[in-house]
């Protein structure tokens, strides 16, 4: 199994239980980059220069959160978020995200791009301006969002 340092044991344990010989190669570390600039990132978040944050692992989400001070976290937690699993959505809720994250159907590039495109389409529809005449009032566009106070669907892993 090729994974990050300290990765989850579930797959290896299940394969071993089924009789496989499991060898684990830890190929990378999930840690903040040593040259990260938290003040610059916090400025971008505060200024609205970041439309949505994507996190492809719980560790990346936690590292991003830990990188920022309290003021930066406040901006981060009000920025839309895309994650790749219900488990990450629960973590985002626990960290204090102010709204439910977009959950991609998987961690692969195609699933993330599709989720971003769906989010962007919904956002664009939400911000579309309408010409209102005295005789009619247009219906606001329908945006479906998960209730941030409810639990996301269970993660099968």
N, C-alpha and C. Protein backbone atom coordinates (compact mmCIF):
# COMPACT_ATOMS: atom_id res chain seq x y z
N UNK A 1 0.86 -1.16 0.00
CA UNK A 1 0.00 0.00 0.00
C UNK A 1 0.90 1.23 0.00
N UNK A 2 0.72 2.11 -0.96
CA UNK A 2 1.45 3.37 -1.06
C UNK A 2 0.59 4.42 -0.37
N UNK A 3 1.15 5.09 0.64
CA UNK A 3 0.36 6.06 1.39
C UNK A 3 1.26 7.09 2.04
N UNK A 4 0.62 8.06 2.67
CA UNK A 4 1.34 9.07 3.44
C UNK A 4 1.73 8.53 4.80
N UNK A 5 2.73 9.16 5.38
CA UNK A 5 3.21 8.78 6.70
C UNK A 5 2.06 8.85 7.71
N UNK A 6 1.89 7.76 8.45
CA UNK A 6 0.83 7.72 9.46
C UNK A 6 -0.56 7.58 8.89
N UNK A 7 -0.68 7.09 7.66
CA UNK A 7 -1.98 6.93 7.03
C UNK A 7 -2.87 5.93 7.76
N UNK A 8 -4.14 5.93 7.39
CA UNK A 8 -5.11 5.06 8.06
C UNK A 8 -4.77 3.59 7.83
N UNK A 9 -5.14 2.77 8.78
CA UNK A 9 -4.82 1.34 8.77
C UNK A 9 -5.93 0.48 8.17
N UNK A 10 -7.08 1.06 7.89
CA UNK A 10 -8.26 0.28 7.50
C UNK A 10 -8.02 -0.66 6.33
N UNK A 11 -7.48 -0.17 5.23
CA UNK A 11 -7.28 -1.00 4.04
C UNK A 11 -6.31 -2.14 4.33
N UNK A 12 -5.17 -1.84 4.93
CA UNK A 12 -4.19 -2.88 5.25
C UNK A 12 -4.74 -3.92 6.19
N UNK A 13 -5.48 -3.48 7.19
CA UNK A 13 -6.06 -4.43 8.15
C UNK A 13 -7.07 -5.34 7.47
N UNK A 14 -7.91 -4.78 6.62
CA UNK A 14 -8.93 -5.59 5.94
C UNK A 14 -8.29 -6.57 4.95
N UNK A 15 -7.29 -6.11 4.21
CA UNK A 15 -6.60 -7.01 3.29
C UNK A 15 -5.90 -8.13 4.05
N UNK A 16 -5.26 -7.79 5.16
CA UNK A 16 -4.61 -8.81 6.00
C UNK A 16 -5.62 -9.81 6.54
N UNK A 17 -6.77 -9.30 6.96
CA UNK A 17 -7.83 -10.18 7.47
C UNK A 17 -8.29 -11.17 6.41
N UNK A 18 -8.23 -10.74 5.16
CA UNK A 18 -8.66 -11.60 4.06
C UNK A 18 -7.53 -12.48 3.52
N UNK A 19 -6.38 -12.44 4.20
CA UNK A 19 -5.30 -13.34 3.84
C UNK A 19 -4.19 -12.76 2.99
N UNK A 20 -4.25 -11.48 2.68
CA UNK A 20 -3.21 -10.87 1.85
C UNK A 20 -1.97 -10.57 2.68
N UNK A 21 -0.83 -10.64 2.04
CA UNK A 21 0.40 -10.17 2.66
C UNK A 21 0.49 -8.68 2.35
N UNK A 22 0.49 -7.86 3.37
CA UNK A 22 0.42 -6.41 3.18
C UNK A 22 1.78 -5.79 3.47
N UNK A 23 2.28 -5.01 2.52
CA UNK A 23 3.50 -4.23 2.70
C UNK A 23 3.11 -2.77 2.52
N UNK A 24 3.49 -1.95 3.47
CA UNK A 24 3.14 -0.54 3.43
C UNK A 24 4.38 0.28 3.12
N UNK A 25 4.27 1.16 2.13
CA UNK A 25 5.34 2.09 1.79
C UNK A 25 4.82 3.50 2.05
N UNK A 26 5.37 4.14 3.07
CA UNK A 26 5.00 5.52 3.38
C UNK A 26 5.86 6.44 2.53
N UNK A 27 5.24 7.08 1.54
CA UNK A 27 5.97 7.82 0.53
C UNK A 27 6.00 9.33 0.71
N UNK A 28 5.15 9.84 1.56
CA UNK A 28 5.13 11.29 1.73
C UNK A 28 4.62 11.63 3.13
N UNK A 29 4.84 12.89 3.51
CA UNK A 29 4.36 13.40 4.79
C UNK A 29 3.26 14.41 4.54
N UNK A 30 2.28 14.37 5.38
CA UNK A 30 1.23 15.37 5.30
C UNK A 30 1.56 16.45 6.33
N UNK A 31 2.27 17.45 5.89
CA UNK A 31 2.71 18.53 6.77
C UNK A 31 2.66 19.84 6.00
N UNK A 32 2.50 20.93 6.71
CA UNK A 32 2.51 22.22 6.01
C UNK A 32 3.87 22.45 5.36
N UNK A 33 3.90 23.12 4.23
CA UNK A 33 5.19 23.41 3.61
C UNK A 33 6.01 24.33 4.51
N UNK A 34 7.31 24.12 4.56
CA UNK A 34 8.14 24.94 5.45
C UNK A 34 8.17 26.41 5.06
N UNK A 35 7.87 26.73 3.81
CA UNK A 35 7.90 28.13 3.37
C UNK A 35 6.51 28.75 3.29
N UNK A 36 5.53 28.17 3.98
CA UNK A 36 4.17 28.71 3.97
C UNK A 36 4.17 30.12 4.53
N UNK A 37 3.30 30.97 3.97
CA UNK A 37 3.19 32.37 4.40
C UNK A 37 1.78 32.60 4.94
N UNK A 38 1.57 32.34 6.23
CA UNK A 38 0.22 32.45 6.79
C UNK A 38 -0.38 33.86 6.69
N UNK A 39 0.43 34.90 6.80
CA UNK A 39 -0.10 36.26 6.72
C UNK A 39 -0.62 36.55 5.31
N UNK A 40 0.10 36.10 4.32
CA UNK A 40 -0.33 36.31 2.93
C UNK A 40 -1.64 35.57 2.67
N UNK A 41 -1.69 34.31 3.10
CA UNK A 41 -2.91 33.52 2.94
C UNK A 41 -4.09 34.18 3.67
N UNK A 42 -3.85 34.61 4.90
CA UNK A 42 -4.91 35.27 5.67
C UNK A 42 -5.40 36.53 4.96
N UNK A 43 -4.48 37.27 4.35
CA UNK A 43 -4.87 38.47 3.59
C UNK A 43 -5.74 38.12 2.40
N UNK A 44 -5.37 37.09 1.67
CA UNK A 44 -6.20 36.65 0.53
C UNK A 44 -7.59 36.25 0.99
N UNK A 45 -7.66 35.51 2.09
CA UNK A 45 -8.96 35.09 2.62
C UNK A 45 -9.79 36.29 3.06
N UNK A 46 -9.18 37.20 3.80
CA UNK A 46 -9.87 38.40 4.27
C UNK A 46 -10.38 39.25 3.12
N UNK A 47 -9.57 39.35 2.05
CA UNK A 47 -9.92 40.20 0.91
C UNK A 47 -10.89 39.53 -0.06
N UNK A 48 -11.24 38.29 0.18
CA UNK A 48 -12.15 37.58 -0.72
C UNK A 48 -11.49 37.14 -2.02
N UNK A 49 -10.17 37.06 -2.03
CA UNK A 49 -9.45 36.66 -3.25
C UNK A 49 -9.51 35.16 -3.49
N UNK A 50 -9.96 34.41 -2.51
CA UNK A 50 -10.10 32.95 -2.65
C UNK A 50 -11.58 32.63 -2.67
N UNK A 51 -12.04 32.05 -3.78
CA UNK A 51 -13.46 31.74 -3.93
C UNK A 51 -13.86 30.50 -3.14
N UNK A 52 -13.01 29.48 -3.18
CA UNK A 52 -13.32 28.22 -2.50
C UNK A 52 -12.00 27.53 -2.16
N UNK A 53 -11.97 26.86 -1.04
CA UNK A 53 -10.81 26.10 -0.59
C UNK A 53 -11.10 24.63 -0.86
N UNK A 54 -10.12 23.90 -1.39
CA UNK A 54 -10.28 22.46 -1.56
C UNK A 54 -9.32 21.75 -0.61
N UNK A 55 -9.81 20.67 -0.02
CA UNK A 55 -8.98 19.85 0.88
C UNK A 55 -9.19 18.40 0.49
N UNK A 56 -8.13 17.76 0.04
CA UNK A 56 -8.24 16.37 -0.42
C UNK A 56 -7.92 15.36 0.67
N UNK A 57 -7.64 15.83 1.88
CA UNK A 57 -7.43 14.93 3.01
C UNK A 57 -7.75 15.66 4.30
N UNK A 58 -8.04 14.92 5.35
CA UNK A 58 -8.26 15.54 6.65
C UNK A 58 -7.00 16.24 7.12
N UNK A 59 -5.85 15.66 6.83
CA UNK A 59 -4.60 16.27 7.26
C UNK A 59 -4.37 17.61 6.59
N UNK A 60 -4.69 17.72 5.29
CA UNK A 60 -4.50 19.01 4.62
C UNK A 60 -5.44 20.05 5.21
N UNK A 61 -6.65 19.65 5.55
CA UNK A 61 -7.60 20.59 6.15
C UNK A 61 -7.11 21.03 7.54
N UNK A 62 -6.66 20.08 8.33
CA UNK A 62 -6.14 20.40 9.67
C UNK A 62 -4.88 21.26 9.58
N UNK A 63 -3.97 20.93 8.66
CA UNK A 63 -2.75 21.73 8.50
C UNK A 63 -3.08 23.17 8.10
N UNK A 64 -4.02 23.34 7.19
CA UNK A 64 -4.42 24.68 6.77
C UNK A 64 -4.99 25.45 7.95
N UNK A 65 -5.88 24.83 8.70
CA UNK A 65 -6.48 25.45 9.87
C UNK A 65 -5.41 25.85 10.89
N UNK A 66 -4.48 24.93 11.17
CA UNK A 66 -3.44 25.18 12.16
C UNK A 66 -2.44 26.24 11.72
N UNK A 67 -2.30 26.43 10.42
CA UNK A 67 -1.36 27.40 9.88
C UNK A 67 -1.76 28.84 10.22
N UNK A 68 -3.04 29.07 10.37
CA UNK A 68 -3.55 30.43 10.54
C UNK A 68 -3.76 30.80 12.00
N UNK A 69 -3.65 32.10 12.28
CA UNK A 69 -3.98 32.58 13.62
C UNK A 69 -5.50 32.75 13.72
N UNK A 70 -5.97 33.21 14.87
CA UNK A 70 -7.42 33.31 15.10
C UNK A 70 -8.12 34.17 14.06
N UNK A 71 -7.53 35.30 13.69
CA UNK A 71 -8.14 36.19 12.70
C UNK A 71 -8.19 35.53 11.31
N UNK A 72 -7.10 34.86 10.95
CA UNK A 72 -7.07 34.15 9.67
C UNK A 72 -8.07 33.01 9.63
N UNK A 73 -8.19 32.30 10.75
CA UNK A 73 -9.16 31.20 10.83
C UNK A 73 -10.59 31.70 10.66
N UNK A 74 -10.87 32.88 11.22
CA UNK A 74 -12.21 33.45 11.08
C UNK A 74 -12.56 33.61 9.60
N UNK A 75 -11.62 34.13 8.82
CA UNK A 75 -11.84 34.29 7.38
C UNK A 75 -11.93 32.93 6.69
N UNK A 76 -11.05 32.01 7.06
CA UNK A 76 -11.06 30.67 6.47
C UNK A 76 -12.40 30.00 6.68
N UNK A 77 -12.92 30.06 7.89
CA UNK A 77 -14.14 29.34 8.24
C UNK A 77 -15.39 29.92 7.57
N UNK A 78 -15.28 31.11 7.00
CA UNK A 78 -16.42 31.66 6.26
C UNK A 78 -16.25 31.52 4.74
N UNK A 79 -15.14 30.89 4.32
CA UNK A 79 -14.87 30.66 2.90
C UNK A 79 -15.47 29.32 2.49
N UNK A 80 -16.14 29.24 1.33
CA UNK A 80 -16.65 27.94 0.88
C UNK A 80 -15.54 26.89 0.84
N UNK A 81 -15.93 25.65 1.08
CA UNK A 81 -14.98 24.55 1.20
C UNK A 81 -15.46 23.36 0.39
N UNK A 82 -14.52 22.71 -0.31
CA UNK A 82 -14.79 21.45 -0.99
C UNK A 82 -13.91 20.39 -0.36
N UNK A 83 -14.53 19.27 0.02
CA UNK A 83 -13.80 18.13 0.59
C UNK A 83 -14.14 16.89 -0.23
N UNK A 84 -13.43 15.79 0.05
CA UNK A 84 -13.60 14.59 -0.78
C UNK A 84 -14.27 13.43 -0.05
N UNK A 85 -14.78 13.67 1.15
CA UNK A 85 -15.45 12.59 1.86
C UNK A 85 -16.36 13.14 2.95
N UNK A 86 -17.36 12.37 3.33
CA UNK A 86 -18.20 12.78 4.46
C UNK A 86 -17.39 12.90 5.76
N UNK A 87 -16.35 12.10 5.90
CA UNK A 87 -15.48 12.19 7.08
C UNK A 87 -14.83 13.57 7.15
N UNK A 88 -14.36 14.07 6.03
CA UNK A 88 -13.76 15.41 5.99
C UNK A 88 -14.82 16.49 6.24
N UNK A 89 -16.04 16.26 5.78
CA UNK A 89 -17.12 17.21 6.04
C UNK A 89 -17.41 17.29 7.54
N UNK A 90 -17.36 16.15 8.23
CA UNK A 90 -17.55 16.16 9.69
C UNK A 90 -16.42 16.94 10.37
N UNK A 91 -15.18 16.74 9.89
CA UNK A 91 -14.05 17.47 10.45
C UNK A 91 -14.25 18.97 10.25
N UNK A 92 -14.68 19.38 9.05
CA UNK A 92 -14.91 20.80 8.78
C UNK A 92 -15.95 21.36 9.74
N UNK A 93 -17.01 20.62 9.97
CA UNK A 93 -18.03 21.06 10.91
C UNK A 93 -17.43 21.20 12.32
N UNK A 94 -16.62 20.21 12.71
CA UNK A 94 -15.98 20.24 14.04
C UNK A 94 -15.00 21.41 14.18
N UNK A 95 -14.34 21.77 13.10
CA UNK A 95 -13.41 22.90 13.12
C UNK A 95 -14.15 24.24 13.18
N UNK A 96 -15.42 24.24 12.79
CA UNK A 96 -16.22 25.46 12.89
C UNK A 96 -16.62 26.11 11.59
N UNK A 97 -16.56 25.37 10.47
CA UNK A 97 -16.97 25.97 9.20
C UNK A 97 -18.38 26.52 9.33
N UNK A 98 -18.64 27.69 8.78
CA UNK A 98 -19.93 28.34 8.96
C UNK A 98 -21.02 27.79 8.03
N UNK A 99 -20.66 26.98 7.05
CA UNK A 99 -21.66 26.38 6.17
C UNK A 99 -21.17 25.00 5.73
N UNK A 100 -22.10 24.19 5.27
CA UNK A 100 -21.76 22.83 4.87
C UNK A 100 -20.82 22.85 3.66
N UNK A 101 -19.81 22.01 3.67
CA UNK A 101 -18.90 21.97 2.51
C UNK A 101 -19.53 21.22 1.33
N UNK A 102 -18.99 21.50 0.16
CA UNK A 102 -19.30 20.70 -1.03
C UNK A 102 -18.53 19.40 -0.85
N UNK A 103 -19.18 18.27 -1.12
CA UNK A 103 -18.50 16.99 -0.98
C UNK A 103 -18.38 16.37 -2.37
N UNK A 104 -17.14 16.22 -2.85
CA UNK A 104 -16.90 15.57 -4.14
C UNK A 104 -17.19 14.08 -4.01
N UNK A 105 -17.47 13.43 -5.12
CA UNK A 105 -17.77 12.00 -5.10
C UNK A 105 -16.54 11.14 -4.91
N UNK A 106 -15.37 11.74 -4.94
CA UNK A 106 -14.13 11.00 -4.76
C UNK A 106 -12.96 11.97 -4.69
N UNK A 107 -11.77 11.42 -4.48
CA UNK A 107 -10.57 12.25 -4.34
C UNK A 107 -9.81 12.40 -5.66
N UNK A 108 -10.30 11.78 -6.73
CA UNK A 108 -9.61 11.89 -8.01
C UNK A 108 -9.90 13.25 -8.65
N UNK A 109 -9.03 13.64 -9.57
CA UNK A 109 -9.14 14.96 -10.20
C UNK A 109 -10.49 15.17 -10.88
N UNK A 110 -11.00 14.16 -11.58
CA UNK A 110 -12.28 14.31 -12.28
C UNK A 110 -13.41 14.59 -11.31
N UNK A 111 -13.44 13.90 -10.18
CA UNK A 111 -14.51 14.11 -9.20
C UNK A 111 -14.42 15.50 -8.58
N UNK A 112 -13.19 15.95 -8.30
CA UNK A 112 -13.01 17.27 -7.71
C UNK A 112 -13.40 18.36 -8.70
N UNK A 113 -12.97 18.22 -9.95
CA UNK A 113 -13.32 19.21 -10.98
C UNK A 113 -14.84 19.25 -11.18
N UNK A 114 -15.48 18.09 -11.22
CA UNK A 114 -16.94 18.05 -11.39
C UNK A 114 -17.64 18.74 -10.22
N UNK A 115 -17.17 18.51 -9.00
CA UNK A 115 -17.78 19.15 -7.84
C UNK A 115 -17.55 20.66 -7.88
N UNK A 116 -16.36 21.09 -8.28
CA UNK A 116 -16.09 22.53 -8.40
C UNK A 116 -16.97 23.16 -9.47
N UNK A 117 -17.14 22.46 -10.59
CA UNK A 117 -17.99 22.99 -11.67
C UNK A 117 -19.43 23.11 -11.20
N UNK A 118 -19.92 22.11 -10.47
CA UNK A 118 -21.28 22.18 -9.93
C UNK A 118 -21.44 23.32 -8.95
N UNK A 119 -20.45 23.50 -8.08
CA UNK A 119 -20.49 24.60 -7.12
C UNK A 119 -20.48 25.94 -7.86
N UNK A 120 -19.63 26.05 -8.86
CA UNK A 120 -19.53 27.30 -9.62
C UNK A 120 -20.83 27.61 -10.34
N UNK A 121 -21.44 26.59 -10.94
CA UNK A 121 -22.72 26.80 -11.64
C UNK A 121 -23.79 27.29 -10.68
N UNK A 122 -23.86 26.66 -9.50
CA UNK A 122 -24.85 27.07 -8.50
C UNK A 122 -24.57 28.50 -8.03
N UNK A 123 -23.31 28.81 -7.84
CA UNK A 123 -22.92 30.15 -7.39
C UNK A 123 -23.26 31.19 -8.45
N UNK A 124 -22.99 30.85 -9.72
CA UNK A 124 -23.29 31.76 -10.82
C UNK A 124 -24.79 31.99 -10.91
N UNK A 125 -25.58 30.91 -10.80
CA UNK A 125 -27.03 31.04 -10.86
C UNK A 125 -27.55 31.89 -9.71
N UNK A 126 -26.93 31.74 -8.54
CA UNK A 126 -27.34 32.50 -7.36
C UNK A 126 -27.08 33.98 -7.53
N UNK A 127 -26.03 34.32 -8.27
CA UNK A 127 -25.65 35.73 -8.44
C UNK A 127 -26.15 36.35 -9.74
N UNK A 128 -26.92 35.60 -10.51
CA UNK A 128 -27.45 36.13 -11.75
C UNK A 128 -28.44 37.25 -11.44
N UNK A 129 -28.28 38.34 -12.14
CA UNK A 129 -29.22 39.45 -11.91
C UNK A 129 -30.41 39.30 -12.82
N UNK A 130 -31.54 39.72 -12.35
CA UNK A 130 -32.79 39.65 -13.10
C UNK A 130 -33.34 41.06 -13.27
N UNK A 131 -33.95 41.30 -14.42
CA UNK A 131 -34.66 42.55 -14.63
C UNK A 131 -36.06 42.36 -14.08
N UNK A 132 -36.44 43.22 -13.17
CA UNK A 132 -37.75 43.09 -12.54
C UNK A 132 -38.66 44.16 -13.12
N UNK A 133 -39.76 43.70 -13.65
CA UNK A 133 -40.77 44.64 -14.13
C UNK A 133 -41.86 44.71 -13.08
N UNK A 134 -42.64 45.79 -13.04
CA UNK A 134 -43.67 45.90 -12.01
C UNK A 134 -44.68 44.75 -12.04
N UNK A 135 -44.91 44.14 -13.20
CA UNK A 135 -45.94 43.10 -13.31
C UNK A 135 -45.47 41.73 -12.81
N UNK A 136 -44.16 41.46 -12.83
CA UNK A 136 -43.69 40.13 -12.45
C UNK A 136 -42.49 40.21 -11.52
N UNK A 137 -42.34 39.19 -10.72
CA UNK A 137 -41.17 39.04 -9.86
C UNK A 137 -40.60 37.66 -10.12
N UNK A 138 -39.35 37.57 -10.58
CA UNK A 138 -38.81 36.25 -10.89
C UNK A 138 -38.58 35.43 -9.63
N UNK A 139 -38.66 34.12 -9.78
CA UNK A 139 -38.35 33.22 -8.68
C UNK A 139 -36.84 33.21 -8.49
N UNK A 140 -36.37 33.18 -7.25
CA UNK A 140 -34.92 33.06 -7.06
C UNK A 140 -34.45 31.69 -7.53
N UNK A 141 -33.22 31.59 -8.00
CA UNK A 141 -32.73 30.29 -8.45
C UNK A 141 -32.69 29.30 -7.29
N UNK A 142 -32.98 28.05 -7.59
CA UNK A 142 -32.97 27.01 -6.56
C UNK A 142 -31.53 26.58 -6.30
N UNK A 143 -31.10 26.66 -5.08
CA UNK A 143 -29.77 26.21 -4.68
C UNK A 143 -29.97 25.16 -3.60
N UNK A 144 -29.45 23.98 -3.83
CA UNK A 144 -29.56 22.92 -2.84
C UNK A 144 -28.28 22.89 -2.03
N UNK A 145 -28.42 22.94 -0.74
CA UNK A 145 -27.25 22.86 0.13
C UNK A 145 -27.58 21.96 1.31
N UNK A 146 -26.60 21.27 1.78
CA UNK A 146 -26.76 20.41 2.94
C UNK A 146 -26.87 21.27 4.19
N UNK A 147 -27.73 20.89 5.11
CA UNK A 147 -27.89 21.58 6.38
C UNK A 147 -26.62 21.39 7.20
N UNK A 148 -25.90 22.48 7.56
CA UNK A 148 -24.63 22.34 8.27
C UNK A 148 -24.79 21.75 9.68
N UNK A 149 -26.00 21.74 10.20
CA UNK A 149 -26.18 21.17 11.54
C UNK A 149 -26.48 19.69 11.49
N UNK A 150 -26.75 19.15 10.30
CA UNK A 150 -27.04 17.72 10.21
C UNK A 150 -25.77 16.95 9.87
N UNK A 151 -25.77 15.69 10.22
CA UNK A 151 -24.62 14.85 9.92
C UNK A 151 -24.59 14.54 8.44
N UNK A 152 -23.40 14.57 7.81
CA UNK A 152 -23.29 14.14 6.41
C UNK A 152 -23.49 12.64 6.34
N UNK A 153 -23.75 12.12 5.13
CA UNK A 153 -23.91 10.67 5.00
C UNK A 153 -22.69 9.94 5.52
N UNK A 154 -22.90 8.75 6.00
CA UNK A 154 -21.80 7.95 6.54
C UNK A 154 -20.77 7.64 5.46
N UNK A 155 -19.53 7.69 5.82
CA UNK A 155 -18.42 7.33 4.95
C UNK A 155 -18.22 5.82 5.07
N UNK A 156 -18.32 5.07 3.97
CA UNK A 156 -18.21 3.61 4.06
C UNK A 156 -16.84 3.12 4.46
N UNK A 157 -15.82 3.99 4.41
CA UNK A 157 -14.48 3.54 4.78
C UNK A 157 -14.22 3.82 6.20
